[in-house]
Amino acid sequence: DVDLDDLGVPSDEGALVRYLAHRYKGVGEKTAESLVEKFGMELFRTMQENPDAIAEVIPQKRAEQVLEAWRADFARRTGRS
């Protein structure tokens, strides 16, 4: 099991919004703000442990894009595929 706190992801909400908007394909400022507003710093944990919750905040197709980007980001950060 991976400790998400050790992945080196952004550590404050403003940085998290900017990170998502600039690094995750298909995620703009508004989508990033919506996700961070809902999940705060638990966003990465939510994407990992309860991905269905993402589609409750943003449209399903956009949620799939976000989750795909998260899986690629997670794999890159952990060396797993």
N, C-alpha and C. Protein backbone atom coordinates (compact mmCIF):
# COMPACT_ATOMS: atom_id res chain seq x y z
N ASP A 1 0.85 -1.19 0.00
CA ASP A 1 0.00 0.00 0.00
C ASP A 1 0.88 1.24 0.00
N VAL A 2 0.48 2.25 -0.74
CA VAL A 2 1.27 3.47 -0.87
C VAL A 2 0.68 4.55 0.02
N ASP A 3 1.55 5.25 0.74
CA ASP A 3 1.10 6.39 1.53
C ASP A 3 1.04 7.60 0.60
N LEU A 4 -0.18 8.07 0.34
CA LEU A 4 -0.35 9.18 -0.61
C LEU A 4 0.37 10.44 -0.15
N ASP A 5 0.59 10.57 1.15
CA ASP A 5 1.29 11.74 1.66
C ASP A 5 2.76 11.75 1.24
N ASP A 6 3.27 10.61 0.85
CA ASP A 6 4.68 10.50 0.45
C ASP A 6 4.90 10.66 -1.05
N LEU A 7 3.85 10.95 -1.80
CA LEU A 7 3.97 11.02 -3.26
C LEU A 7 4.51 12.36 -3.77
N GLY A 8 4.57 13.35 -2.92
CA GLY A 8 5.08 14.64 -3.36
C GLY A 8 4.07 15.45 -4.16
N VAL A 9 2.79 15.21 -3.93
CA VAL A 9 1.76 15.99 -4.60
C VAL A 9 1.61 17.34 -3.90
N PRO A 10 0.97 18.32 -4.54
CA PRO A 10 0.84 19.65 -3.92
C PRO A 10 0.24 19.56 -2.51
N SER A 11 0.71 20.48 -1.66
CA SER A 11 0.34 20.40 -0.25
C SER A 11 -0.59 21.52 0.22
N ASP A 12 -1.06 22.36 -0.70
CA ASP A 12 -2.09 23.33 -0.32
C ASP A 12 -3.09 23.45 -1.46
N GLU A 13 -4.27 23.93 -1.14
CA GLU A 13 -5.37 23.90 -2.11
C GLU A 13 -5.10 24.74 -3.36
N GLY A 14 -4.49 25.90 -3.21
CA GLY A 14 -4.18 26.73 -4.37
C GLY A 14 -3.22 26.04 -5.32
N ALA A 15 -2.18 25.43 -4.75
CA ALA A 15 -1.21 24.70 -5.56
C ALA A 15 -1.86 23.48 -6.22
N LEU A 16 -2.78 22.86 -5.52
CA LEU A 16 -3.48 21.69 -6.05
C LEU A 16 -4.33 22.07 -7.26
N VAL A 17 -5.05 23.18 -7.18
CA VAL A 17 -5.85 23.65 -8.31
C VAL A 17 -4.94 23.91 -9.52
N ARG A 18 -3.84 24.61 -9.30
CA ARG A 18 -2.92 24.92 -10.40
C ARG A 18 -2.32 23.64 -10.98
N TYR A 19 -1.95 22.71 -10.12
CA TYR A 19 -1.36 21.45 -10.57
C TYR A 19 -2.34 20.70 -11.48
N LEU A 20 -3.57 20.55 -11.04
CA LEU A 20 -4.56 19.83 -11.83
C LEU A 20 -4.82 20.54 -13.16
N ALA A 21 -4.98 21.85 -13.11
CA ALA A 21 -5.32 22.61 -14.31
C ALA A 21 -4.19 22.59 -15.35
N HIS A 22 -2.96 22.50 -14.89
CA HIS A 22 -1.84 22.53 -15.83
C HIS A 22 -1.27 21.17 -16.18
N ARG A 23 -1.48 20.17 -15.35
CA ARG A 23 -0.87 18.87 -15.57
C ARG A 23 -1.83 17.79 -16.05
N TYR A 24 -3.11 17.95 -15.77
CA TYR A 24 -4.08 16.91 -16.12
C TYR A 24 -4.84 17.32 -17.37
N LYS A 25 -4.64 16.55 -18.42
CA LYS A 25 -5.29 16.85 -19.70
C LYS A 25 -6.81 16.88 -19.53
N GLY A 26 -7.43 17.91 -20.10
CA GLY A 26 -8.88 18.02 -20.03
C GLY A 26 -9.40 18.65 -18.76
N VAL A 27 -8.50 19.03 -17.87
CA VAL A 27 -8.92 19.66 -16.61
C VAL A 27 -8.56 21.13 -16.66
N GLY A 28 -9.59 21.95 -16.59
CA GLY A 28 -9.37 23.39 -16.56
C GLY A 28 -9.48 23.91 -15.14
N GLU A 29 -9.32 25.20 -15.03
CA GLU A 29 -9.36 25.87 -13.73
C GLU A 29 -10.68 25.59 -12.98
N LYS A 30 -11.80 25.70 -13.68
CA LYS A 30 -13.12 25.52 -13.04
C LYS A 30 -13.30 24.10 -12.52
N THR A 31 -12.93 23.11 -13.33
CA THR A 31 -13.04 21.72 -12.90
C THR A 31 -12.14 21.47 -11.69
N ALA A 32 -10.92 21.95 -11.75
CA ALA A 32 -9.98 21.78 -10.63
C ALA A 32 -10.53 22.44 -9.37
N GLU A 33 -11.07 23.65 -9.52
CA GLU A 33 -11.64 24.35 -8.36
C GLU A 33 -12.81 23.57 -7.77
N SER A 34 -13.67 23.03 -8.62
CA SER A 34 -14.82 22.26 -8.13
C SER A 34 -14.37 21.04 -7.33
N LEU A 35 -13.38 20.34 -7.85
CA LEU A 35 -12.88 19.15 -7.16
C LEU A 35 -12.21 19.49 -5.83
N VAL A 36 -11.40 20.53 -5.84
CA VAL A 36 -10.70 20.92 -4.61
C VAL A 36 -11.69 21.49 -3.60
N GLU A 37 -12.69 22.20 -4.08
CA GLU A 37 -13.71 22.74 -3.17
C GLU A 37 -14.44 21.60 -2.45
N LYS A 38 -14.73 20.53 -3.19
CA LYS A 38 -15.47 19.39 -2.62
C LYS A 38 -14.59 18.51 -1.74
N PHE A 39 -13.39 18.17 -2.23
CA PHE A 39 -12.57 17.17 -1.55
C PHE A 39 -11.36 17.73 -0.82
N GLY A 40 -11.00 18.97 -1.10
CA GLY A 40 -9.84 19.57 -0.44
C GLY A 40 -8.59 18.74 -0.66
N MET A 41 -7.79 18.65 0.37
CA MET A 41 -6.53 17.93 0.27
C MET A 41 -6.72 16.42 0.28
N GLU A 42 -7.95 15.96 0.38
CA GLU A 42 -8.24 14.53 0.31
C GLU A 42 -8.54 14.10 -1.14
N LEU A 43 -8.38 15.01 -2.10
CA LEU A 43 -8.73 14.71 -3.49
C LEU A 43 -7.98 13.48 -4.02
N PHE A 44 -6.67 13.43 -3.84
CA PHE A 44 -5.91 12.30 -4.38
C PHE A 44 -6.33 11.00 -3.71
N ARG A 45 -6.56 11.06 -2.40
CA ARG A 45 -7.02 9.86 -1.68
C ARG A 45 -8.39 9.42 -2.20
N THR A 46 -9.26 10.40 -2.47
CA THR A 46 -10.59 10.08 -3.00
C THR A 46 -10.47 9.44 -4.38
N MET A 47 -9.62 10.00 -5.22
CA MET A 47 -9.45 9.42 -6.57
C MET A 47 -8.92 8.00 -6.49
N GLN A 48 -8.07 7.73 -5.51
CA GLN A 48 -7.48 6.40 -5.37
C GLN A 48 -8.46 5.41 -4.73
N GLU A 49 -9.16 5.85 -3.69
CA GLU A 49 -9.95 4.92 -2.88
C GLU A 49 -11.45 4.92 -3.19
N ASN A 50 -11.96 6.03 -3.75
CA ASN A 50 -13.39 6.13 -4.04
C ASN A 50 -13.60 6.90 -5.34
N PRO A 51 -13.09 6.39 -6.45
CA PRO A 51 -13.13 7.13 -7.71
C PRO A 51 -14.55 7.50 -8.17
N ASP A 52 -15.55 6.72 -7.80
CA ASP A 52 -16.92 7.04 -8.21
C ASP A 52 -17.39 8.39 -7.67
N ALA A 53 -16.81 8.83 -6.57
CA ALA A 53 -17.20 10.10 -5.96
C ALA A 53 -16.87 11.28 -6.87
N ILE A 54 -15.88 11.13 -7.74
CA ILE A 54 -15.48 12.23 -8.63
C ILE A 54 -16.62 12.58 -9.58
N ALA A 55 -17.32 11.57 -10.10
CA ALA A 55 -18.42 11.80 -11.04
C ALA A 55 -19.65 12.40 -10.35
N GLU A 56 -19.64 12.48 -9.04
CA GLU A 56 -20.73 13.14 -8.33
C GLU A 56 -20.54 14.66 -8.31
N VAL A 57 -19.33 15.09 -8.67
CA VAL A 57 -18.99 16.52 -8.62
C VAL A 57 -18.89 17.12 -10.02
N ILE A 58 -18.36 16.36 -10.94
CA ILE A 58 -18.18 16.82 -12.31
C ILE A 58 -18.82 15.80 -13.26
N PRO A 59 -19.10 16.19 -14.51
CA PRO A 59 -19.71 15.26 -15.46
C PRO A 59 -18.89 13.98 -15.63
N GLN A 60 -19.58 12.88 -15.90
CA GLN A 60 -18.96 11.56 -15.99
C GLN A 60 -17.77 11.53 -16.95
N LYS A 61 -17.94 12.09 -18.13
CA LYS A 61 -16.85 12.06 -19.12
C LYS A 61 -15.62 12.81 -18.61
N ARG A 62 -15.84 13.94 -17.98
CA ARG A 62 -14.73 14.70 -17.41
C ARG A 62 -14.11 13.93 -16.25
N ALA A 63 -14.94 13.27 -15.45
CA ALA A 63 -14.43 12.48 -14.33
C ALA A 63 -13.52 11.36 -14.84
N GLU A 64 -13.91 10.73 -15.93
CA GLU A 64 -13.08 9.67 -16.51
C GLU A 64 -11.72 10.22 -16.94
N GLN A 65 -11.71 11.42 -17.52
CA GLN A 65 -10.45 12.05 -17.93
C GLN A 65 -9.57 12.32 -16.72
N VAL A 66 -10.17 12.85 -15.67
CA VAL A 66 -9.42 13.18 -14.45
C VAL A 66 -8.84 11.90 -13.85
N LEU A 67 -9.65 10.86 -13.77
CA LEU A 67 -9.19 9.62 -13.16
C LEU A 67 -8.10 8.94 -14.01
N GLU A 68 -8.23 9.04 -15.32
CA GLU A 68 -7.19 8.49 -16.20
C GLU A 68 -5.87 9.24 -15.97
N ALA A 69 -5.95 10.56 -15.86
CA ALA A 69 -4.75 11.37 -15.61
C ALA A 69 -4.17 11.03 -14.24
N TRP A 70 -5.04 10.82 -13.25
CA TRP A 70 -4.57 10.46 -11.91
C TRP A 70 -3.84 9.12 -11.94
N ARG A 71 -4.41 8.13 -12.64
CA ARG A 71 -3.77 6.81 -12.68
C ARG A 71 -2.38 6.91 -13.32
N ALA A 72 -2.25 7.71 -14.36
CA ALA A 72 -0.94 7.89 -15.01
C ALA A 72 0.02 8.61 -14.06
N ASP A 73 -0.47 9.63 -13.37
CA ASP A 73 0.33 10.38 -12.41
C ASP A 73 0.78 9.47 -11.27
N PHE A 74 -0.15 8.67 -10.75
CA PHE A 74 0.15 7.75 -9.66
C PHE A 74 1.20 6.73 -10.09
N ALA A 75 1.04 6.18 -11.29
CA ALA A 75 2.00 5.20 -11.80
C ALA A 75 3.39 5.83 -11.94
N ARG A 76 3.43 7.06 -12.45
CA ARG A 76 4.71 7.75 -12.63
C ARG A 76 5.37 8.00 -11.28
N ARG A 77 4.59 8.41 -10.29
CA ARG A 77 5.14 8.74 -8.98
C ARG A 77 5.55 7.52 -8.17
N THR A 78 4.91 6.39 -8.42
CA THR A 78 5.20 5.19 -7.62
C THR A 78 6.04 4.17 -8.38
N GLY A 79 6.22 4.38 -9.68
CA GLY A 79 6.97 3.41 -10.48
C GLY A 79 6.15 2.17 -10.76
N ARG A 80 4.83 2.27 -10.59
CA ARG A 80 3.93 1.15 -10.86
C ARG A 80 3.13 1.43 -12.11
N SER A 81 2.61 0.38 -12.72
CA SER A 81 1.72 0.61 -13.85
C SER A 81 0.38 -0.01 -13.60
